[in-house]
N, C-alpha and C. Protein backbone atom coordinates (compact mmCIF):
# COMPACT_ATOMS: atom_id res chain seq x y z
N MET A 1 10.05 -5.10 17.68
CA MET A 1 10.43 -4.27 16.57
C MET A 1 11.49 -3.32 17.02
N GLU A 2 12.60 -3.28 16.33
CA GLU A 2 13.69 -2.33 16.62
C GLU A 2 13.27 -0.97 16.16
N LYS A 3 13.72 0.04 16.84
CA LYS A 3 13.34 1.41 16.56
C LYS A 3 14.59 2.27 16.60
N ARG A 4 14.75 3.14 15.60
CA ARG A 4 15.80 4.13 15.62
C ARG A 4 15.14 5.50 15.40
N TYR A 5 15.75 6.52 15.97
CA TYR A 5 15.19 7.86 15.85
C TYR A 5 16.15 8.80 15.11
N PRO A 6 15.97 8.93 13.81
CA PRO A 6 16.80 9.87 13.09
C PRO A 6 16.41 11.31 13.39
N GLN A 7 17.40 12.17 13.44
CA GLN A 7 17.13 13.57 13.75
C GLN A 7 16.51 14.23 12.54
N GLY A 8 15.39 14.91 12.74
CA GLY A 8 14.73 15.62 11.65
C GLY A 8 15.24 17.06 11.52
N ASN A 9 14.85 17.75 10.47
CA ASN A 9 15.27 19.12 10.26
C ASN A 9 14.78 20.04 11.36
N ASP A 10 13.66 19.69 11.97
CA ASP A 10 13.09 20.53 13.00
C ASP A 10 13.55 20.12 14.41
N GLY A 11 14.50 19.19 14.48
CA GLY A 11 15.00 18.70 15.76
C GLY A 11 14.10 17.64 16.35
N GLY A 12 12.97 17.30 15.69
CA GLY A 12 12.09 16.27 16.20
C GLY A 12 12.65 14.89 15.96
N ARG A 13 12.03 13.91 16.58
CA ARG A 13 12.56 12.56 16.45
C ARG A 13 11.39 11.66 16.00
N LEU A 14 11.41 11.23 14.73
CA LEU A 14 10.40 10.32 14.20
C LEU A 14 10.92 8.89 14.34
N PRO A 15 10.06 7.97 14.79
CA PRO A 15 10.51 6.58 14.88
C PRO A 15 10.71 5.96 13.52
N HIS A 16 11.72 5.15 13.37
CA HIS A 16 11.97 4.40 12.18
C HIS A 16 11.64 2.93 12.50
N PHE A 17 10.58 2.42 11.92
CA PHE A 17 10.11 1.10 12.24
C PHE A 17 10.61 0.08 11.24
N HIS A 18 11.10 -1.04 11.74
CA HIS A 18 11.42 -2.18 10.91
C HIS A 18 10.22 -3.10 10.90
N GLY A 19 9.81 -3.50 9.75
CA GLY A 19 8.73 -4.50 9.71
C GLY A 19 7.57 -4.15 8.82
N THR A 20 7.61 -3.04 8.13
CA THR A 20 6.48 -2.75 7.24
C THR A 20 6.82 -1.64 6.27
N THR A 21 6.03 -1.58 5.22
CA THR A 21 6.10 -0.47 4.26
C THR A 21 4.69 -0.07 3.95
N ILE A 22 4.37 1.22 4.13
CA ILE A 22 3.08 1.78 3.75
C ILE A 22 3.36 2.86 2.73
N LEU A 23 2.61 2.85 1.61
CA LEU A 23 2.77 3.82 0.54
C LEU A 23 1.42 4.34 0.09
N ALA A 24 1.29 5.65 -0.02
CA ALA A 24 0.09 6.30 -0.52
C ALA A 24 0.44 7.15 -1.73
N VAL A 25 -0.40 7.06 -2.79
CA VAL A 25 -0.18 7.84 -4.01
C VAL A 25 -1.50 8.40 -4.47
N ARG A 26 -1.49 9.71 -4.77
CA ARG A 26 -2.65 10.39 -5.35
C ARG A 26 -2.28 10.79 -6.77
N ARG A 27 -3.15 10.42 -7.71
CA ARG A 27 -2.89 10.80 -9.10
C ARG A 27 -4.21 10.86 -9.89
N ASP A 28 -4.38 11.90 -10.65
CA ASP A 28 -5.55 12.06 -11.52
C ASP A 28 -6.87 11.87 -10.77
N GLY A 29 -6.94 12.45 -9.55
CA GLY A 29 -8.19 12.39 -8.78
C GLY A 29 -8.42 11.08 -8.06
N LYS A 30 -7.52 10.17 -8.14
CA LYS A 30 -7.66 8.88 -7.46
C LYS A 30 -6.53 8.70 -6.46
N VAL A 31 -6.79 7.98 -5.36
CA VAL A 31 -5.76 7.71 -4.39
C VAL A 31 -5.73 6.20 -4.09
N ALA A 32 -4.52 5.70 -3.91
CA ALA A 32 -4.33 4.30 -3.54
C ALA A 32 -3.37 4.25 -2.36
N VAL A 33 -3.60 3.33 -1.46
CA VAL A 33 -2.73 3.14 -0.30
C VAL A 33 -2.40 1.65 -0.22
N ALA A 34 -1.15 1.33 -0.01
CA ALA A 34 -0.72 -0.07 0.06
C ALA A 34 0.12 -0.31 1.30
N GLY A 35 0.06 -1.56 1.78
CA GLY A 35 0.93 -2.01 2.85
C GLY A 35 1.33 -3.43 2.59
N ASP A 36 2.59 -3.73 2.88
CA ASP A 36 3.02 -5.13 2.71
C ASP A 36 2.48 -5.99 3.86
N GLY A 37 2.62 -7.31 3.73
CA GLY A 37 2.03 -8.19 4.70
C GLY A 37 2.98 -8.84 5.68
N GLN A 38 4.25 -8.48 5.66
CA GLN A 38 5.22 -9.17 6.49
C GLN A 38 5.25 -8.61 7.92
N VAL A 39 5.31 -9.52 8.87
CA VAL A 39 5.48 -9.16 10.26
C VAL A 39 6.73 -9.87 10.75
N THR A 40 7.67 -9.14 11.33
CA THR A 40 8.87 -9.73 11.85
C THR A 40 8.92 -9.62 13.37
N LEU A 41 9.57 -10.57 13.95
CA LEU A 41 9.84 -10.55 15.40
C LEU A 41 11.33 -10.82 15.52
N GLY A 42 12.06 -9.76 15.85
CA GLY A 42 13.53 -9.89 15.85
C GLY A 42 13.99 -10.13 14.44
N ASP A 43 14.71 -11.21 14.23
CA ASP A 43 15.22 -11.50 12.88
C ASP A 43 14.46 -12.61 12.17
N SER A 44 13.23 -12.88 12.65
CA SER A 44 12.39 -13.92 12.04
C SER A 44 11.10 -13.35 11.50
N VAL A 45 10.68 -13.90 10.38
CA VAL A 45 9.36 -13.55 9.83
C VAL A 45 8.33 -14.46 10.51
N VAL A 46 7.32 -13.87 11.13
CA VAL A 46 6.31 -14.62 11.84
C VAL A 46 4.95 -14.61 11.14
N LYS A 47 4.79 -13.73 10.17
CA LYS A 47 3.51 -13.66 9.43
C LYS A 47 3.79 -13.05 8.09
N HIS A 48 3.11 -13.57 7.05
CA HIS A 48 3.29 -13.10 5.70
C HIS A 48 2.13 -12.30 5.15
N HIS A 49 0.96 -12.45 5.72
CA HIS A 49 -0.29 -11.89 5.15
C HIS A 49 -1.01 -10.94 6.12
N ALA A 50 -0.28 -10.12 6.84
CA ALA A 50 -0.88 -9.15 7.74
C ALA A 50 -1.57 -8.05 6.92
N ARG A 51 -2.67 -7.52 7.44
CA ARG A 51 -3.39 -6.46 6.76
C ARG A 51 -3.09 -5.13 7.52
N LYS A 52 -2.30 -4.29 6.93
CA LYS A 52 -1.86 -3.06 7.61
C LYS A 52 -2.50 -1.81 7.01
N VAL A 53 -3.41 -2.02 6.04
CA VAL A 53 -4.12 -0.94 5.41
C VAL A 53 -5.59 -1.32 5.40
N ARG A 54 -6.45 -0.37 5.76
CA ARG A 54 -7.89 -0.63 5.76
C ARG A 54 -8.70 0.64 5.60
N LYS A 55 -9.92 0.43 5.13
CA LYS A 55 -10.86 1.54 5.01
C LYS A 55 -11.64 1.68 6.32
N ILE A 56 -11.89 2.92 6.74
CA ILE A 56 -12.70 3.23 7.91
C ILE A 56 -13.72 4.31 7.58
N TYR A 57 -14.52 4.66 8.54
CA TYR A 57 -15.49 5.74 8.42
C TYR A 57 -16.32 5.61 7.14
N ASN A 58 -17.14 4.55 7.11
CA ASN A 58 -18.03 4.26 5.98
C ASN A 58 -17.25 4.19 4.66
N ASP A 59 -16.06 3.60 4.72
CA ASP A 59 -15.20 3.41 3.54
C ASP A 59 -14.81 4.70 2.85
N ARG A 60 -14.78 5.82 3.58
CA ARG A 60 -14.39 7.13 3.02
C ARG A 60 -12.97 7.54 3.35
N ILE A 61 -12.34 6.81 4.29
CA ILE A 61 -10.98 7.11 4.73
C ILE A 61 -10.17 5.81 4.66
N ILE A 62 -8.93 5.94 4.20
CA ILE A 62 -8.02 4.80 4.23
C ILE A 62 -6.92 5.11 5.22
N VAL A 63 -6.61 4.15 6.09
CA VAL A 63 -5.48 4.29 7.03
C VAL A 63 -4.49 3.14 6.84
N GLY A 64 -3.25 3.46 7.06
CA GLY A 64 -2.18 2.46 7.03
C GLY A 64 -1.22 2.76 8.17
N PHE A 65 -0.60 1.72 8.72
CA PHE A 65 0.23 1.87 9.90
C PHE A 65 1.59 1.19 9.76
N ALA A 66 2.59 1.80 10.28
CA ALA A 66 3.87 1.18 10.56
C ALA A 66 4.01 1.21 12.08
N GLY A 67 4.30 0.06 12.68
CA GLY A 67 4.47 0.02 14.11
C GLY A 67 3.77 -1.15 14.74
N ALA A 68 3.59 -1.10 16.05
CA ALA A 68 3.00 -2.17 16.83
C ALA A 68 1.52 -2.31 16.49
N THR A 69 1.08 -3.53 16.25
CA THR A 69 -0.26 -3.83 15.84
C THR A 69 -1.34 -3.34 16.82
N ALA A 70 -1.15 -3.66 18.09
CA ALA A 70 -2.15 -3.23 19.08
C ALA A 70 -2.23 -1.71 19.13
N ASP A 71 -1.10 -1.04 19.00
CA ASP A 71 -1.11 0.42 19.01
C ASP A 71 -1.81 0.97 17.76
N ALA A 72 -1.57 0.33 16.63
CA ALA A 72 -2.24 0.74 15.39
C ALA A 72 -3.75 0.60 15.49
N LEU A 73 -4.22 -0.50 16.04
CA LEU A 73 -5.65 -0.71 16.19
C LEU A 73 -6.25 0.29 17.15
N ASN A 74 -5.57 0.59 18.24
CA ASN A 74 -6.01 1.62 19.19
C ASN A 74 -6.15 2.96 18.49
N LEU A 75 -5.14 3.32 17.72
CA LEU A 75 -5.17 4.62 17.00
C LEU A 75 -6.25 4.66 15.94
N THR A 76 -6.50 3.54 15.28
CA THR A 76 -7.59 3.50 14.29
C THR A 76 -8.92 3.78 14.95
N GLU A 77 -9.18 3.16 16.08
CA GLU A 77 -10.42 3.40 16.83
C GLU A 77 -10.51 4.85 17.27
N ARG A 78 -9.43 5.42 17.73
CA ARG A 78 -9.44 6.82 18.16
C ARG A 78 -9.70 7.77 17.00
N LEU A 79 -9.08 7.46 15.85
CA LEU A 79 -9.29 8.32 14.67
C LEU A 79 -10.75 8.23 14.23
N GLU A 80 -11.31 7.02 14.25
CA GLU A 80 -12.73 6.89 13.89
C GLU A 80 -13.62 7.68 14.82
N GLY A 81 -13.30 7.69 16.09
CA GLY A 81 -14.07 8.49 17.04
C GLY A 81 -13.95 9.98 16.73
N LYS A 82 -12.76 10.43 16.38
CA LYS A 82 -12.57 11.84 15.99
C LYS A 82 -13.34 12.15 14.69
N LEU A 83 -13.31 11.24 13.75
CA LEU A 83 -14.07 11.46 12.50
C LEU A 83 -15.55 11.56 12.75
N GLU A 84 -16.07 10.74 13.65
CA GLU A 84 -17.50 10.83 14.01
C GLU A 84 -17.79 12.19 14.64
N ARG A 85 -16.89 12.63 15.53
CA ARG A 85 -17.09 13.89 16.23
C ARG A 85 -17.06 15.07 15.28
N PHE A 86 -16.17 15.01 14.25
CA PHE A 86 -15.98 16.11 13.31
C PHE A 86 -16.63 15.86 11.94
N ASN A 87 -17.64 15.03 11.91
CA ASN A 87 -18.42 14.75 10.68
C ASN A 87 -17.57 14.39 9.48
N GLY A 88 -16.56 13.54 9.70
CA GLY A 88 -15.74 13.05 8.61
C GLY A 88 -14.66 14.00 8.12
N ASN A 89 -14.42 15.10 8.82
CA ASN A 89 -13.37 16.05 8.44
C ASN A 89 -12.00 15.47 8.85
N LEU A 90 -11.33 14.89 7.88
CA LEU A 90 -10.07 14.20 8.18
C LEU A 90 -9.00 15.17 8.73
N THR A 91 -8.93 16.37 8.17
CA THR A 91 -7.94 17.32 8.66
C THR A 91 -8.11 17.60 10.13
N ARG A 92 -9.32 17.93 10.50
CA ARG A 92 -9.60 18.24 11.91
C ARG A 92 -9.39 17.02 12.81
N ALA A 93 -9.84 15.87 12.35
CA ALA A 93 -9.68 14.61 13.11
C ALA A 93 -8.21 14.27 13.29
N ALA A 94 -7.42 14.42 12.24
CA ALA A 94 -5.98 14.08 12.34
C ALA A 94 -5.25 15.04 13.29
N VAL A 95 -5.57 16.30 13.22
CA VAL A 95 -4.94 17.30 14.13
C VAL A 95 -5.30 16.99 15.57
N GLU A 96 -6.57 16.70 15.83
CA GLU A 96 -6.99 16.40 17.19
C GLU A 96 -6.39 15.11 17.71
N LEU A 97 -6.27 14.10 16.84
CA LEU A 97 -5.66 12.84 17.24
C LEU A 97 -4.18 13.07 17.56
N ALA A 98 -3.46 13.81 16.71
CA ALA A 98 -2.05 14.10 16.96
C ALA A 98 -1.85 14.84 18.28
N ARG A 99 -2.76 15.81 18.54
CA ARG A 99 -2.66 16.57 19.78
C ARG A 99 -2.84 15.65 20.99
N ASP A 100 -3.88 14.80 20.94
CA ASP A 100 -4.10 13.86 22.02
C ASP A 100 -2.93 12.91 22.18
N TRP A 101 -2.45 12.39 21.05
CA TRP A 101 -1.37 11.42 21.05
C TRP A 101 -0.11 12.02 21.69
N ARG A 102 0.15 13.26 21.43
CA ARG A 102 1.35 13.90 21.98
C ARG A 102 1.21 14.25 23.44
N THR A 103 0.00 14.64 23.88
CA THR A 103 -0.17 15.17 25.24
C THR A 103 -0.61 14.11 26.27
N ASP A 104 -1.27 13.04 25.85
CA ASP A 104 -1.78 12.03 26.77
C ASP A 104 -0.66 11.10 27.18
N LYS A 105 -0.50 10.89 28.50
CA LYS A 105 0.57 10.03 29.01
C LYS A 105 0.53 8.61 28.52
N VAL A 106 -0.64 8.05 28.39
CA VAL A 106 -0.79 6.66 27.91
C VAL A 106 -0.56 6.60 26.39
N LEU A 107 -1.19 7.52 25.66
CA LEU A 107 -1.05 7.49 24.20
C LEU A 107 0.40 7.75 23.76
N ARG A 108 1.14 8.55 24.51
CA ARG A 108 2.53 8.86 24.13
C ARG A 108 3.37 7.61 24.03
N ARG A 109 2.97 6.56 24.69
CA ARG A 109 3.74 5.30 24.68
C ARG A 109 3.46 4.45 23.46
N LEU A 110 2.44 4.83 22.67
CA LEU A 110 2.13 4.06 21.50
C LEU A 110 3.22 4.18 20.45
N GLU A 111 3.60 3.05 19.86
CA GLU A 111 4.69 3.03 18.91
C GLU A 111 4.15 2.72 17.51
N ALA A 112 3.73 3.74 16.81
CA ALA A 112 3.21 3.59 15.46
C ALA A 112 3.26 4.94 14.74
N VAL A 113 3.20 4.88 13.43
CA VAL A 113 3.06 6.04 12.59
C VAL A 113 1.87 5.74 11.69
N MET A 114 1.01 6.71 11.50
CA MET A 114 -0.23 6.49 10.73
C MET A 114 -0.21 7.32 9.45
N VAL A 115 -0.67 6.70 8.38
CA VAL A 115 -0.98 7.40 7.14
C VAL A 115 -2.50 7.39 7.02
N ALA A 116 -3.10 8.54 6.77
CA ALA A 116 -4.57 8.64 6.63
C ALA A 116 -4.87 9.46 5.41
N VAL A 117 -5.76 8.94 4.53
CA VAL A 117 -6.14 9.68 3.30
C VAL A 117 -7.63 9.64 3.11
N ASP A 118 -8.15 10.69 2.46
CA ASP A 118 -9.52 10.69 1.97
C ASP A 118 -9.46 11.18 0.53
N GLU A 119 -10.59 11.54 -0.02
CA GLU A 119 -10.62 11.94 -1.44
C GLU A 119 -9.87 13.24 -1.71
N LYS A 120 -9.62 14.06 -0.65
CA LYS A 120 -8.93 15.33 -0.86
C LYS A 120 -7.58 15.44 -0.15
N SER A 121 -7.43 14.78 0.98
CA SER A 121 -6.28 15.00 1.87
C SER A 121 -5.47 13.71 2.06
N MET A 122 -4.17 13.93 2.42
CA MET A 122 -3.28 12.82 2.70
C MET A 122 -2.35 13.28 3.82
N TYR A 123 -2.29 12.50 4.91
CA TYR A 123 -1.49 12.95 6.07
C TYR A 123 -0.68 11.79 6.65
N LEU A 124 0.50 12.15 7.14
CA LEU A 124 1.28 11.33 8.04
C LEU A 124 0.96 11.90 9.44
N VAL A 125 0.56 11.06 10.37
CA VAL A 125 0.26 11.47 11.72
C VAL A 125 1.16 10.69 12.66
N SER A 126 1.84 11.40 13.58
CA SER A 126 2.77 10.73 14.49
C SER A 126 2.49 11.15 15.96
N GLY A 127 3.10 10.41 16.84
CA GLY A 127 3.01 10.68 18.25
C GLY A 127 3.78 11.92 18.70
N ASN A 128 4.57 12.50 17.81
CA ASN A 128 5.27 13.75 18.09
C ASN A 128 4.37 14.95 17.90
N GLY A 129 3.14 14.69 17.48
CA GLY A 129 2.22 15.80 17.20
C GLY A 129 2.27 16.23 15.74
N ASP A 130 2.95 15.47 14.90
CA ASP A 130 3.06 15.80 13.48
C ASP A 130 1.78 15.44 12.71
N VAL A 131 1.36 16.33 11.88
CA VAL A 131 0.34 16.07 10.84
C VAL A 131 0.95 16.66 9.58
N ILE A 132 1.54 15.80 8.77
CA ILE A 132 2.32 16.25 7.61
C ILE A 132 1.58 15.86 6.34
N GLU A 133 1.37 16.84 5.47
CA GLU A 133 0.76 16.63 4.16
C GLU A 133 1.86 16.73 3.13
N PRO A 134 2.04 15.67 2.30
CA PRO A 134 3.15 15.74 1.35
C PRO A 134 2.87 16.75 0.23
N ASP A 135 3.95 17.26 -0.36
CA ASP A 135 3.84 18.24 -1.45
C ASP A 135 3.36 17.61 -2.74
N ALA A 136 3.83 16.40 -3.05
CA ALA A 136 3.63 15.83 -4.38
C ALA A 136 2.61 14.70 -4.44
N GLY A 137 1.81 14.51 -3.40
CA GLY A 137 0.81 13.42 -3.44
C GLY A 137 1.37 12.04 -3.28
N ILE A 138 2.54 11.94 -2.69
CA ILE A 138 3.17 10.62 -2.41
C ILE A 138 3.66 10.65 -0.99
N LEU A 139 3.31 9.61 -0.25
CA LEU A 139 3.71 9.52 1.17
C LEU A 139 4.05 8.08 1.48
N ALA A 140 5.17 7.86 2.15
CA ALA A 140 5.57 6.50 2.50
C ALA A 140 6.20 6.48 3.88
N VAL A 141 5.94 5.43 4.65
CA VAL A 141 6.50 5.25 5.97
C VAL A 141 6.93 3.80 6.12
N GLY A 142 7.74 3.58 7.15
CA GLY A 142 8.17 2.22 7.48
C GLY A 142 9.54 1.93 6.92
N SER A 143 9.98 0.68 7.13
CA SER A 143 11.33 0.29 6.81
C SER A 143 11.65 0.36 5.32
N GLY A 144 10.67 0.09 4.47
CA GLY A 144 10.87 0.20 3.04
C GLY A 144 10.32 1.49 2.46
N GLY A 145 9.98 2.43 3.33
CA GLY A 145 9.36 3.67 2.90
C GLY A 145 10.20 4.50 1.94
N VAL A 146 11.49 4.57 2.19
CA VAL A 146 12.35 5.37 1.32
C VAL A 146 12.39 4.78 -0.09
N ALA A 147 12.54 3.45 -0.16
CA ALA A 147 12.58 2.79 -1.49
C ALA A 147 11.23 2.94 -2.20
N ALA A 148 10.13 2.75 -1.47
CA ALA A 148 8.81 2.85 -2.07
C ALA A 148 8.55 4.29 -2.55
N HIS A 149 8.93 5.24 -1.73
CA HIS A 149 8.71 6.68 -2.07
C HIS A 149 9.51 7.04 -3.31
N ALA A 150 10.79 6.62 -3.35
CA ALA A 150 11.66 6.92 -4.49
C ALA A 150 11.10 6.31 -5.78
N ALA A 151 10.69 5.06 -5.69
CA ALA A 151 10.16 4.36 -6.86
C ALA A 151 8.87 5.04 -7.33
N ALA A 152 7.99 5.34 -6.40
CA ALA A 152 6.71 5.97 -6.75
C ALA A 152 6.94 7.36 -7.37
N SER A 153 7.87 8.12 -6.82
CA SER A 153 8.17 9.42 -7.36
C SER A 153 8.71 9.34 -8.78
N ALA A 154 9.61 8.38 -9.04
CA ALA A 154 10.15 8.21 -10.41
C ALA A 154 9.03 7.80 -11.36
N LEU A 155 8.21 6.87 -10.94
CA LEU A 155 7.11 6.40 -11.81
C LEU A 155 6.12 7.50 -12.08
N ALA A 156 5.80 8.30 -11.07
CA ALA A 156 4.84 9.40 -11.25
C ALA A 156 5.40 10.47 -12.18
N GLY A 157 6.69 10.67 -12.13
CA GLY A 157 7.32 11.71 -12.92
C GLY A 157 7.65 11.31 -14.35
N HIS A 158 7.69 10.02 -14.62
CA HIS A 158 8.17 9.57 -15.92
C HIS A 158 7.28 8.58 -16.64
N THR A 159 6.08 8.36 -16.10
CA THR A 159 5.15 7.42 -16.76
C THR A 159 3.75 8.00 -16.70
N ARG A 160 2.84 7.36 -17.39
CA ARG A 160 1.42 7.73 -17.31
C ARG A 160 0.61 6.71 -16.48
N LEU A 161 1.30 5.95 -15.65
CA LEU A 161 0.63 4.97 -14.82
C LEU A 161 -0.35 5.62 -13.89
N ASN A 162 -1.44 4.93 -13.54
CA ASN A 162 -2.39 5.45 -12.57
C ASN A 162 -1.91 5.17 -11.15
N ALA A 163 -2.62 5.65 -10.15
CA ALA A 163 -2.17 5.53 -8.75
C ALA A 163 -1.96 4.06 -8.36
N ARG A 164 -2.90 3.20 -8.73
CA ARG A 164 -2.77 1.78 -8.37
C ARG A 164 -1.57 1.14 -9.03
N GLU A 165 -1.36 1.40 -10.30
CA GLU A 165 -0.21 0.84 -11.02
C GLU A 165 1.10 1.35 -10.44
N ILE A 166 1.18 2.60 -10.05
CA ILE A 166 2.38 3.12 -9.41
C ILE A 166 2.63 2.41 -8.11
N ILE A 167 1.56 2.23 -7.28
CA ILE A 167 1.67 1.54 -6.01
C ILE A 167 2.18 0.12 -6.21
N GLU A 168 1.59 -0.59 -7.15
CA GLU A 168 1.95 -2.00 -7.39
C GLU A 168 3.45 -2.12 -7.74
N SER A 169 3.92 -1.27 -8.66
CA SER A 169 5.31 -1.31 -9.07
C SER A 169 6.27 -0.87 -7.96
N ALA A 170 5.91 0.23 -7.27
CA ALA A 170 6.78 0.73 -6.25
C ALA A 170 6.90 -0.23 -5.04
N MET A 171 5.78 -0.88 -4.70
CA MET A 171 5.82 -1.82 -3.57
C MET A 171 6.63 -3.06 -3.95
N LYS A 172 6.61 -3.47 -5.21
CA LYS A 172 7.46 -4.59 -5.65
C LYS A 172 8.93 -4.21 -5.50
N ILE A 173 9.27 -2.99 -5.89
CA ILE A 173 10.66 -2.54 -5.75
C ILE A 173 11.07 -2.48 -4.28
N ALA A 174 10.19 -1.93 -3.43
CA ALA A 174 10.46 -1.89 -1.98
C ALA A 174 10.67 -3.29 -1.42
N GLY A 175 9.81 -4.22 -1.84
CA GLY A 175 9.93 -5.60 -1.37
C GLY A 175 11.23 -6.27 -1.83
N ASP A 176 11.72 -5.89 -3.00
CA ASP A 176 12.97 -6.44 -3.52
C ASP A 176 14.16 -5.89 -2.74
N LEU A 177 14.05 -4.65 -2.21
CA LEU A 177 15.19 -4.01 -1.58
C LEU A 177 15.19 -4.09 -0.05
N CYS A 178 14.03 -4.12 0.59
CA CYS A 178 13.95 -4.10 2.05
C CYS A 178 13.65 -5.50 2.60
N ILE A 179 14.52 -5.95 3.46
CA ILE A 179 14.32 -7.32 4.02
C ILE A 179 13.13 -7.40 4.97
N TYR A 180 12.61 -6.25 5.42
CA TYR A 180 11.46 -6.24 6.32
C TYR A 180 10.13 -6.03 5.56
N THR A 181 10.18 -6.08 4.23
CA THR A 181 9.00 -5.85 3.39
C THR A 181 8.88 -7.02 2.43
N ASN A 182 7.64 -7.59 2.33
CA ASN A 182 7.45 -8.69 1.40
C ASN A 182 6.60 -8.27 0.21
N HIS A 183 6.27 -9.24 -0.61
CA HIS A 183 5.52 -8.96 -1.84
C HIS A 183 4.03 -9.26 -1.67
N VAL A 184 3.59 -9.57 -0.50
CA VAL A 184 2.15 -9.77 -0.24
C VAL A 184 1.63 -8.37 0.15
N VAL A 185 0.87 -7.77 -0.78
CA VAL A 185 0.52 -6.37 -0.62
C VAL A 185 -1.00 -6.22 -0.58
N THR A 186 -1.47 -5.43 0.34
CA THR A 186 -2.88 -5.04 0.43
C THR A 186 -3.00 -3.62 -0.14
N ILE A 187 -3.93 -3.42 -1.07
CA ILE A 187 -4.14 -2.09 -1.67
C ILE A 187 -5.58 -1.71 -1.50
N GLU A 188 -5.78 -0.48 -1.02
CA GLU A 188 -7.13 0.10 -0.94
C GLU A 188 -7.15 1.36 -1.78
N GLU A 189 -8.29 1.64 -2.42
CA GLU A 189 -8.41 2.80 -3.32
C GLU A 189 -9.65 3.62 -3.01
N LEU A 190 -9.57 4.89 -3.29
CA LEU A 190 -10.70 5.80 -3.29
C LEU A 190 -10.78 6.50 -4.64
């Protein structure tokens, strides 16, 4: 997976991953998270039905990943451990995971960005130590993240669609625009 590091407003460097789109939308007390199924290796598609979004911690938390699969699975296990330690408190678990991810020599090498949501909270968690909660209840990462976020924002602002319907439409638009995103989408809801 090719990686570029755009400069952020804070001088930090977030990885830009080619090969996936993860989108989370909260609306009317419901949250939906989606991920496309395409996996690329260089300039070839090697898998169409990858599952990049899943429920964890007794189906109370949804996580989605952009990045290397083995790294994503490692981080999922670590987040579950933090959730067990902090009795399901996603905020505390995400902060502790980000701290460990940033300071641990082995974890720092992991190449992934995580989206984690529960019934109240929604976070982007990165290896830079970031735990970012979006302002408007929409969060997207990955190569098609900008297209998915823009589409979801427009749909949320100009329609009465629910979270799942917004996700379905926005992911279709992202799949139409991003060559690293396909139309095989996994959606999880709370």
